[in-house]
Amino acid sequence: MIFAIITLALLCVVELIVLRMLWKRYVHNMSMNKKSDSYFYLLKIWMKKRNQEKSIGDYLKKHRITHVAIYGNGEMGMLLCEELEHDKIRIDYIIDQSSTRSDYTIVKCDNTMPVTDAIIVTPYLEYDQIFEKLSSFTDAEIVSLEDIIFDY
């Protein structure tokens, strides 16, 4: 009888652990889907503006920004590099914690940040945390890609 009770209790504990793991996976997948949807929506707005012959480079030039650093070397960062190259905006460096793939100098976020006019943050969903981190290492203007796309 005691063996059956102990076995049942252990099975309940294992079931709770498995359910918790499944729940965490479910919540993670939900947040990843929302994140993907958000980036897709921003990309859609960006492409509509490009089709209207508006560019991020024109926006930057209007604000007297002629050279930038880009925070994030993911897909959005690489697309931004391509557009800025086309618009003749100088890209001083890319800030990324782990990436090594780039035609540009990769800089980690630390106390040796080179001077630049502005830093464009491509992972805009984490902008607040990134802004806090970057603002202690640079005097450059720090803007999110999202804000630029919606403002130009």
N, C-alpha and C. Protein backbone atom coordinates (compact mmCIF):
# COMPACT_ATOMS: atom_id res chain seq x y z
N MET A 1 0.81 -1.19 0.00
CA MET A 1 0.00 0.00 0.00
C MET A 1 0.87 1.27 0.00
N ILE A 2 1.88 1.31 0.86
CA ILE A 2 2.78 2.46 0.94
C ILE A 2 3.53 2.61 -0.38
N PHE A 3 3.96 1.51 -0.96
CA PHE A 3 4.66 1.54 -2.23
C PHE A 3 3.78 2.16 -3.31
N ALA A 4 2.50 1.81 -3.34
CA ALA A 4 1.56 2.35 -4.33
C ALA A 4 1.38 3.85 -4.13
N ILE A 5 1.30 4.29 -2.90
CA ILE A 5 1.13 5.72 -2.61
C ILE A 5 2.38 6.50 -3.03
N ILE A 6 3.55 5.97 -2.72
CA ILE A 6 4.81 6.63 -3.11
C ILE A 6 4.94 6.68 -4.63
N THR A 7 4.61 5.59 -5.29
CA THR A 7 4.66 5.53 -6.75
C THR A 7 3.70 6.56 -7.35
N LEU A 8 2.49 6.63 -6.83
CA LEU A 8 1.50 7.60 -7.31
C LEU A 8 1.98 9.04 -7.09
N ALA A 9 2.57 9.30 -5.93
CA ALA A 9 3.09 10.64 -5.64
C ALA A 9 4.22 11.00 -6.60
N LEU A 10 5.13 10.06 -6.86
CA LEU A 10 6.22 10.32 -7.80
C LEU A 10 5.69 10.57 -9.21
N LEU A 11 4.69 9.82 -9.62
CA LEU A 11 4.10 10.03 -10.94
C LEU A 11 3.46 11.42 -11.04
N CYS A 12 2.82 11.87 -9.97
CA CYS A 12 2.22 13.21 -9.96
C CYS A 12 3.30 14.29 -10.08
N VAL A 13 4.41 14.10 -9.38
CA VAL A 13 5.51 15.07 -9.45
C VAL A 13 6.08 15.10 -10.86
N VAL A 14 6.31 13.94 -11.44
CA VAL A 14 6.84 13.87 -12.81
C VAL A 14 5.86 14.52 -13.78
N GLU A 15 4.58 14.27 -13.60
CA GLU A 15 3.57 14.86 -14.47
C GLU A 15 3.58 16.39 -14.35
N LEU A 16 3.71 16.92 -13.16
CA LEU A 16 3.79 18.37 -12.96
C LEU A 16 5.02 18.96 -13.63
N ILE A 17 6.14 18.26 -13.53
CA ILE A 17 7.38 18.73 -14.16
C ILE A 17 7.21 18.76 -15.68
N VAL A 18 6.64 17.70 -16.23
CA VAL A 18 6.43 17.63 -17.68
C VAL A 18 5.45 18.72 -18.13
N LEU A 19 4.37 18.91 -17.38
CA LEU A 19 3.39 19.94 -17.73
C LEU A 19 4.03 21.33 -17.69
N ARG A 20 4.86 21.58 -16.69
CA ARG A 20 5.54 22.87 -16.59
C ARG A 20 6.46 23.09 -17.80
N MET A 21 7.20 22.05 -18.18
CA MET A 21 8.09 22.17 -19.34
C MET A 21 7.29 22.43 -20.61
N LEU A 22 6.17 21.74 -20.78
CA LEU A 22 5.32 21.95 -21.95
C LEU A 22 4.74 23.36 -21.96
N TRP A 23 4.32 23.85 -20.80
CA TRP A 23 3.78 25.19 -20.70
C TRP A 23 4.83 26.23 -21.08
N LYS A 24 6.06 26.07 -20.56
CA LYS A 24 7.13 27.01 -20.89
C LYS A 24 7.40 27.00 -22.40
N ARG A 25 7.40 25.84 -23.01
CA ARG A 25 7.62 25.74 -24.45
C ARG A 25 6.48 26.43 -25.21
N TYR A 26 5.25 26.23 -24.74
CA TYR A 26 4.08 26.86 -25.36
C TYR A 26 4.19 28.38 -25.28
N VAL A 27 4.50 28.91 -24.10
CA VAL A 27 4.62 30.35 -23.91
C VAL A 27 5.75 30.90 -24.77
N HIS A 28 6.89 30.20 -24.82
CA HIS A 28 8.02 30.62 -25.64
C HIS A 28 7.61 30.68 -27.11
N ASN A 29 6.92 29.66 -27.58
CA ASN A 29 6.50 29.63 -28.99
C ASN A 29 5.51 30.75 -29.29
N MET A 30 4.62 31.04 -28.34
CA MET A 30 3.67 32.15 -28.53
C MET A 30 4.41 33.47 -28.66
N SER A 31 5.39 33.69 -27.79
CA SER A 31 6.11 34.97 -27.86
C SER A 31 6.96 35.04 -29.13
N MET A 32 7.51 33.92 -29.58
CA MET A 32 8.28 33.91 -30.82
C MET A 32 7.38 34.24 -32.01
N ASN A 33 6.14 33.70 -32.01
CA ASN A 33 5.22 34.00 -33.10
C ASN A 33 4.86 35.48 -33.12
N LYS A 34 4.62 36.07 -31.94
CA LYS A 34 4.31 37.49 -31.87
C LYS A 34 5.50 38.32 -32.34
N LYS A 35 6.70 37.90 -31.97
CA LYS A 35 7.91 38.61 -32.38
C LYS A 35 8.05 38.55 -33.90
N SER A 36 7.86 37.38 -34.48
CA SER A 36 7.96 37.23 -35.94
C SER A 36 6.91 38.08 -36.63
N ASP A 37 5.69 38.10 -36.11
CA ASP A 37 4.63 38.92 -36.69
C ASP A 37 5.00 40.40 -36.66
N SER A 38 5.60 40.83 -35.55
CA SER A 38 5.98 42.23 -35.41
C SER A 38 7.05 42.61 -36.42
N TYR A 39 8.08 41.77 -36.56
CA TYR A 39 9.14 42.05 -37.53
C TYR A 39 8.61 42.01 -38.96
N PHE A 40 7.69 41.09 -39.24
CA PHE A 40 7.10 41.01 -40.57
C PHE A 40 6.32 42.29 -40.88
N TYR A 41 5.56 42.77 -39.92
CA TYR A 41 4.77 44.00 -40.11
C TYR A 41 5.70 45.19 -40.38
N LEU A 42 6.78 45.31 -39.59
CA LEU A 42 7.72 46.41 -39.80
C LEU A 42 8.37 46.32 -41.18
N LEU A 43 8.76 45.13 -41.57
CA LEU A 43 9.36 44.93 -42.89
C LEU A 43 8.38 45.32 -44.00
N LYS A 44 7.12 45.00 -43.80
CA LYS A 44 6.08 45.35 -44.78
C LYS A 44 5.97 46.87 -44.92
N ILE A 45 5.96 47.60 -43.81
CA ILE A 45 5.89 49.06 -43.86
C ILE A 45 7.14 49.62 -44.55
N TRP A 46 8.31 49.06 -44.18
CA TRP A 46 9.58 49.49 -44.76
C TRP A 46 9.54 49.34 -46.29
N MET A 47 9.09 48.20 -46.79
CA MET A 47 9.06 47.95 -48.23
C MET A 47 8.04 48.86 -48.92
N LYS A 48 6.91 49.13 -48.26
CA LYS A 48 5.93 50.06 -48.86
C LYS A 48 6.55 51.44 -49.04
N LYS A 49 7.31 51.87 -48.03
CA LYS A 49 7.95 53.19 -48.13
C LYS A 49 9.02 53.18 -49.21
N ARG A 50 9.77 52.10 -49.34
CA ARG A 50 10.77 52.02 -50.41
C ARG A 50 10.10 52.07 -51.77
N ASN A 51 8.94 51.42 -51.89
CA ASN A 51 8.21 51.45 -53.15
C ASN A 51 7.71 52.86 -53.47
N GLN A 52 7.55 53.69 -52.44
CA GLN A 52 7.16 55.10 -52.63
C GLN A 52 8.40 55.98 -52.82
N GLU A 53 9.55 55.32 -52.99
CA GLU A 53 10.84 55.98 -53.20
C GLU A 53 11.26 56.84 -52.00
N LYS A 54 10.91 56.38 -50.81
CA LYS A 54 11.39 56.99 -49.58
C LYS A 54 12.47 56.07 -49.03
N SER A 55 13.52 56.66 -48.46
CA SER A 55 14.58 55.81 -47.96
C SER A 55 15.02 56.22 -46.56
N ILE A 56 15.56 55.28 -45.85
CA ILE A 56 16.11 55.54 -44.53
C ILE A 56 17.29 56.49 -44.65
N GLY A 57 18.07 56.35 -45.71
CA GLY A 57 19.20 57.25 -45.95
C GLY A 57 18.75 58.71 -46.05
N ASP A 58 17.66 58.96 -46.76
CA ASP A 58 17.13 60.32 -46.87
C ASP A 58 16.72 60.85 -45.50
N TYR A 59 16.10 60.00 -44.71
CA TYR A 59 15.70 60.39 -43.35
C TYR A 59 16.94 60.77 -42.52
N LEU A 60 17.98 59.95 -42.60
CA LEU A 60 19.20 60.22 -41.83
C LEU A 60 19.86 61.51 -42.29
N LYS A 61 19.96 61.70 -43.61
CA LYS A 61 20.57 62.93 -44.13
C LYS A 61 19.78 64.16 -43.69
N LYS A 62 18.47 64.05 -43.68
CA LYS A 62 17.61 65.16 -43.22
C LYS A 62 17.92 65.52 -41.77
N HIS A 63 18.30 64.53 -40.98
CA HIS A 63 18.64 64.76 -39.58
C HIS A 63 20.15 64.95 -39.37
N ARG A 64 20.85 65.21 -40.44
CA ARG A 64 22.30 65.48 -40.43
C ARG A 64 23.11 64.33 -39.85
N ILE A 65 22.67 63.13 -40.16
CA ILE A 65 23.40 61.91 -39.75
C ILE A 65 24.03 61.33 -41.01
N THR A 66 25.36 61.34 -41.04
CA THR A 66 26.05 60.88 -42.25
C THR A 66 26.79 59.57 -42.05
N HIS A 67 27.03 59.20 -40.82
CA HIS A 67 27.63 57.88 -40.57
C HIS A 67 27.05 57.30 -39.29
N VAL A 68 26.86 55.97 -39.33
CA VAL A 68 26.12 55.28 -38.27
C VAL A 68 26.82 53.99 -37.87
N ALA A 69 26.38 53.49 -36.74
CA ALA A 69 26.67 52.12 -36.33
C ALA A 69 25.32 51.41 -36.29
N ILE A 70 25.34 50.13 -36.52
CA ILE A 70 24.11 49.34 -36.50
C ILE A 70 24.22 48.32 -35.38
N TYR A 71 23.23 48.33 -34.49
CA TYR A 71 23.18 47.35 -33.41
C TYR A 71 22.36 46.17 -33.90
N GLY A 72 23.00 45.02 -34.04
CA GLY A 72 22.32 43.81 -34.48
C GLY A 72 22.73 43.43 -35.88
N ASN A 73 23.27 42.23 -36.02
CA ASN A 73 23.75 41.76 -37.31
C ASN A 73 22.89 40.61 -37.83
N GLY A 74 21.61 40.63 -37.44
CA GLY A 74 20.68 39.62 -37.95
C GLY A 74 20.16 40.04 -39.32
N GLU A 75 19.06 39.46 -39.71
CA GLU A 75 18.50 39.73 -41.03
C GLU A 75 18.15 41.20 -41.21
N MET A 76 17.50 41.80 -40.20
CA MET A 76 17.12 43.21 -40.32
C MET A 76 18.37 44.09 -40.40
N GLY A 77 19.39 43.76 -39.64
CA GLY A 77 20.63 44.53 -39.68
C GLY A 77 21.29 44.46 -41.05
N MET A 78 21.30 43.27 -41.64
CA MET A 78 21.92 43.12 -42.96
C MET A 78 21.12 43.86 -44.04
N LEU A 79 19.78 43.81 -43.93
CA LEU A 79 18.96 44.56 -44.88
C LEU A 79 19.18 46.06 -44.74
N LEU A 80 19.31 46.51 -43.50
CA LEU A 80 19.58 47.93 -43.27
C LEU A 80 20.94 48.32 -43.86
N CYS A 81 21.94 47.48 -43.68
CA CYS A 81 23.26 47.76 -44.28
C CYS A 81 23.14 47.93 -45.79
N GLU A 82 22.41 47.05 -46.44
CA GLU A 82 22.25 47.13 -47.89
C GLU A 82 21.61 48.44 -48.31
N GLU A 83 20.56 48.84 -47.59
CA GLU A 83 19.88 50.09 -47.95
C GLU A 83 20.79 51.29 -47.71
N LEU A 84 21.48 51.30 -46.59
CA LEU A 84 22.34 52.44 -46.28
C LEU A 84 23.52 52.54 -47.24
N GLU A 85 24.07 51.40 -47.66
CA GLU A 85 25.14 51.41 -48.67
C GLU A 85 24.63 52.06 -49.95
N HIS A 86 23.44 51.67 -50.36
CA HIS A 86 22.82 52.21 -51.57
C HIS A 86 22.61 53.72 -51.43
N ASP A 87 22.28 54.19 -50.23
CA ASP A 87 22.01 55.61 -49.99
C ASP A 87 23.25 56.41 -49.62
N LYS A 88 24.42 55.76 -49.71
CA LYS A 88 25.70 56.43 -49.44
C LYS A 88 25.82 56.95 -48.00
N ILE A 89 25.26 56.21 -47.05
CA ILE A 89 25.45 56.49 -45.63
C ILE A 89 26.59 55.59 -45.16
N ARG A 90 27.58 56.17 -44.51
CA ARG A 90 28.73 55.39 -44.06
C ARG A 90 28.35 54.57 -42.82
N ILE A 91 28.65 53.30 -42.88
CA ILE A 91 28.43 52.40 -41.75
C ILE A 91 29.79 52.21 -41.07
N ASP A 92 29.92 52.77 -39.88
CA ASP A 92 31.19 52.72 -39.17
C ASP A 92 31.49 51.33 -38.63
N TYR A 93 30.49 50.70 -38.06
CA TYR A 93 30.68 49.37 -37.48
C TYR A 93 29.33 48.77 -37.12
N ILE A 94 29.35 47.49 -36.82
CA ILE A 94 28.18 46.74 -36.38
C ILE A 94 28.41 46.36 -34.91
N ILE A 95 27.40 46.56 -34.10
CA ILE A 95 27.49 46.13 -32.70
C ILE A 95 26.72 44.82 -32.58
N ASP A 96 27.41 43.78 -32.18
CA ASP A 96 26.77 42.47 -32.02
C ASP A 96 27.58 41.67 -31.01
N GLN A 97 26.89 40.98 -30.15
CA GLN A 97 27.56 40.24 -29.08
C GLN A 97 28.16 38.93 -29.56
N SER A 98 27.60 38.34 -30.61
CA SER A 98 28.08 37.01 -30.98
C SER A 98 28.39 36.81 -32.46
N SER A 99 27.93 37.70 -33.30
CA SER A 99 28.08 37.50 -34.74
C SER A 99 29.51 37.79 -35.20
N THR A 100 29.92 37.06 -36.20
CA THR A 100 31.21 37.34 -36.85
C THR A 100 31.02 37.53 -38.35
N ARG A 101 29.82 37.31 -38.86
CA ARG A 101 29.57 37.42 -40.30
C ARG A 101 29.27 38.88 -40.66
N SER A 102 30.15 39.49 -41.37
CA SER A 102 29.92 40.86 -41.79
C SER A 102 31.08 41.35 -42.64
N ASP A 103 30.76 42.31 -43.48
CA ASP A 103 31.79 43.01 -44.24
C ASP A 103 32.30 44.21 -43.44
N TYR A 104 31.74 44.41 -42.27
CA TYR A 104 32.08 45.55 -41.42
C TYR A 104 32.76 45.08 -40.15
N THR A 105 33.38 46.04 -39.48
CA THR A 105 33.99 45.75 -38.18
C THR A 105 32.88 45.42 -37.19
N ILE A 106 33.06 44.33 -36.45
CA ILE A 106 32.10 43.94 -35.40
C ILE A 106 32.65 44.44 -34.07
N VAL A 107 31.82 45.15 -33.33
CA VAL A 107 32.19 45.69 -32.03
C VAL A 107 31.25 45.13 -30.99
N LYS A 108 31.77 44.76 -29.85
CA LYS A 108 30.93 44.33 -28.74
C LYS A 108 30.55 45.56 -27.93
N CYS A 109 29.44 45.48 -27.25
CA CYS A 109 28.96 46.60 -26.45
C CYS A 109 29.77 46.68 -25.16
N ASP A 110 30.78 47.55 -25.18
CA ASP A 110 31.59 47.73 -23.97
C ASP A 110 32.09 49.17 -23.92
N ASN A 111 33.04 49.43 -23.06
CA ASN A 111 33.45 50.82 -22.86
C ASN A 111 34.42 51.35 -23.93
N THR A 112 34.59 50.66 -25.03
CA THR A 112 35.49 51.13 -26.09
C THR A 112 34.73 51.38 -27.39
N MET A 113 33.52 51.94 -27.29
CA MET A 113 32.70 52.17 -28.48
C MET A 113 33.28 53.33 -29.30
N PRO A 114 33.58 53.10 -30.59
CA PRO A 114 34.09 54.18 -31.44
C PRO A 114 33.03 55.28 -31.65
N VAL A 115 33.48 56.45 -32.01
CA VAL A 115 32.59 57.59 -32.23
C VAL A 115 31.81 57.38 -33.53
N THR A 116 30.54 57.77 -33.50
CA THR A 116 29.67 57.72 -34.69
C THR A 116 28.54 58.73 -34.47
N ASP A 117 27.83 59.09 -35.54
CA ASP A 117 26.73 60.04 -35.39
C ASP A 117 25.54 59.42 -34.65
N ALA A 118 25.20 58.19 -35.03
CA ALA A 118 24.03 57.55 -34.45
C ALA A 118 24.20 56.04 -34.45
N ILE A 119 23.48 55.40 -33.55
CA ILE A 119 23.42 53.94 -33.51
C ILE A 119 21.97 53.56 -33.77
N ILE A 120 21.77 52.74 -34.79
CA ILE A 120 20.42 52.28 -35.13
C ILE A 120 20.25 50.88 -34.56
N VAL A 121 19.26 50.71 -33.70
CA VAL A 121 19.00 49.44 -33.03
C VAL A 121 17.99 48.65 -33.86
N THR A 122 18.45 47.54 -34.45
CA THR A 122 17.54 46.74 -35.28
C THR A 122 16.65 45.80 -34.47
N PRO A 123 17.09 45.22 -33.35
CA PRO A 123 16.16 44.42 -32.55
C PRO A 123 15.30 45.36 -31.68
N TYR A 124 14.39 46.06 -32.36
CA TYR A 124 13.65 47.15 -31.72
C TYR A 124 12.73 46.71 -30.58
N LEU A 125 12.38 45.44 -30.54
CA LEU A 125 11.53 44.97 -29.43
C LEU A 125 12.28 44.99 -28.11
N GLU A 126 13.60 44.99 -28.18
CA GLU A 126 14.44 45.05 -26.97
C GLU A 126 15.10 46.43 -26.84
N TYR A 127 14.54 47.42 -27.51
CA TYR A 127 15.16 48.74 -27.57
C TYR A 127 15.45 49.34 -26.20
N ASP A 128 14.50 49.27 -25.28
CA ASP A 128 14.70 49.91 -23.97
C ASP A 128 15.92 49.36 -23.24
N GLN A 129 16.06 48.04 -23.22
CA GLN A 129 17.20 47.43 -22.55
C GLN A 129 18.51 47.78 -23.27
N ILE A 130 18.47 47.75 -24.59
CA ILE A 130 19.66 48.05 -25.38
C ILE A 130 20.05 49.52 -25.21
N PHE A 131 19.05 50.40 -25.20
CA PHE A 131 19.33 51.83 -24.99
C PHE A 131 20.04 52.05 -23.66
N GLU A 132 19.54 51.43 -22.61
CA GLU A 132 20.17 51.57 -21.28
C GLU A 132 21.63 51.13 -21.32
N LYS A 133 21.87 50.01 -21.96
CA LYS A 133 23.24 49.48 -22.03
C LYS A 133 24.14 50.40 -22.87
N LEU A 134 23.67 50.79 -24.05
CA LEU A 134 24.50 51.60 -24.94
C LEU A 134 24.75 53.02 -24.41
N SER A 135 23.75 53.60 -23.79
CA SER A 135 23.88 55.00 -23.37
C SER A 135 24.98 55.21 -22.35
N SER A 136 25.40 54.15 -21.67
CA SER A 136 26.50 54.31 -20.72
C SER A 136 27.87 54.22 -21.41
N PHE A 137 27.89 53.87 -22.70
CA PHE A 137 29.16 53.71 -23.42
C PHE A 137 29.35 54.69 -24.58
N THR A 138 28.32 55.48 -24.90
CA THR A 138 28.43 56.35 -26.07
C THR A 138 27.61 57.62 -25.89
N ASP A 139 28.01 58.65 -26.60
CA ASP A 139 27.23 59.89 -26.65
C ASP A 139 26.44 59.99 -27.95
N ALA A 140 26.58 58.99 -28.80
CA ALA A 140 25.87 59.00 -30.08
C ALA A 140 24.36 58.91 -29.86
N GLU A 141 23.63 59.45 -30.81
CA GLU A 141 22.17 59.32 -30.77
C GLU A 141 21.83 57.83 -30.95
N ILE A 142 20.91 57.33 -30.15
CA ILE A 142 20.52 55.91 -30.23
C ILE A 142 19.04 55.89 -30.64
N VAL A 143 18.78 55.29 -31.80
CA VAL A 143 17.41 55.26 -32.33
C VAL A 143 17.05 53.84 -32.74
N SER A 144 15.78 53.54 -32.65
CA SER A 144 15.35 52.21 -33.07
C SER A 144 14.98 52.24 -34.55
N LEU A 145 15.20 51.14 -35.20
CA LEU A 145 14.82 51.01 -36.61
C LEU A 145 13.32 51.25 -36.76
N GLU A 146 12.54 50.79 -35.82
CA GLU A 146 11.10 50.97 -35.85
C GLU A 146 10.74 52.47 -35.89
N ASP A 147 11.35 53.26 -35.01
CA ASP A 147 11.05 54.69 -34.99
C ASP A 147 11.40 55.36 -36.31
N ILE A 148 12.54 54.98 -36.87
CA ILE A 148 12.95 55.57 -38.15
C ILE A 148 11.95 55.22 -39.24
N ILE A 149 11.57 53.96 -39.31
CA ILE A 149 10.66 53.53 -40.37
C ILE A 149 9.30 54.22 -40.25
N PHE A 150 8.81 54.39 -39.05
CA PHE A 150 7.51 55.04 -38.90
C PHE A 150 7.58 56.56 -39.03
N ASP A 151 8.78 57.13 -38.89
CA ASP A 151 8.91 58.59 -38.96
C ASP A 151 9.21 59.12 -40.37
N TYR A 152 9.79 58.30 -41.25
CA TYR A 152 10.16 58.87 -42.55
C TYR A 152 9.08 58.67 -43.58
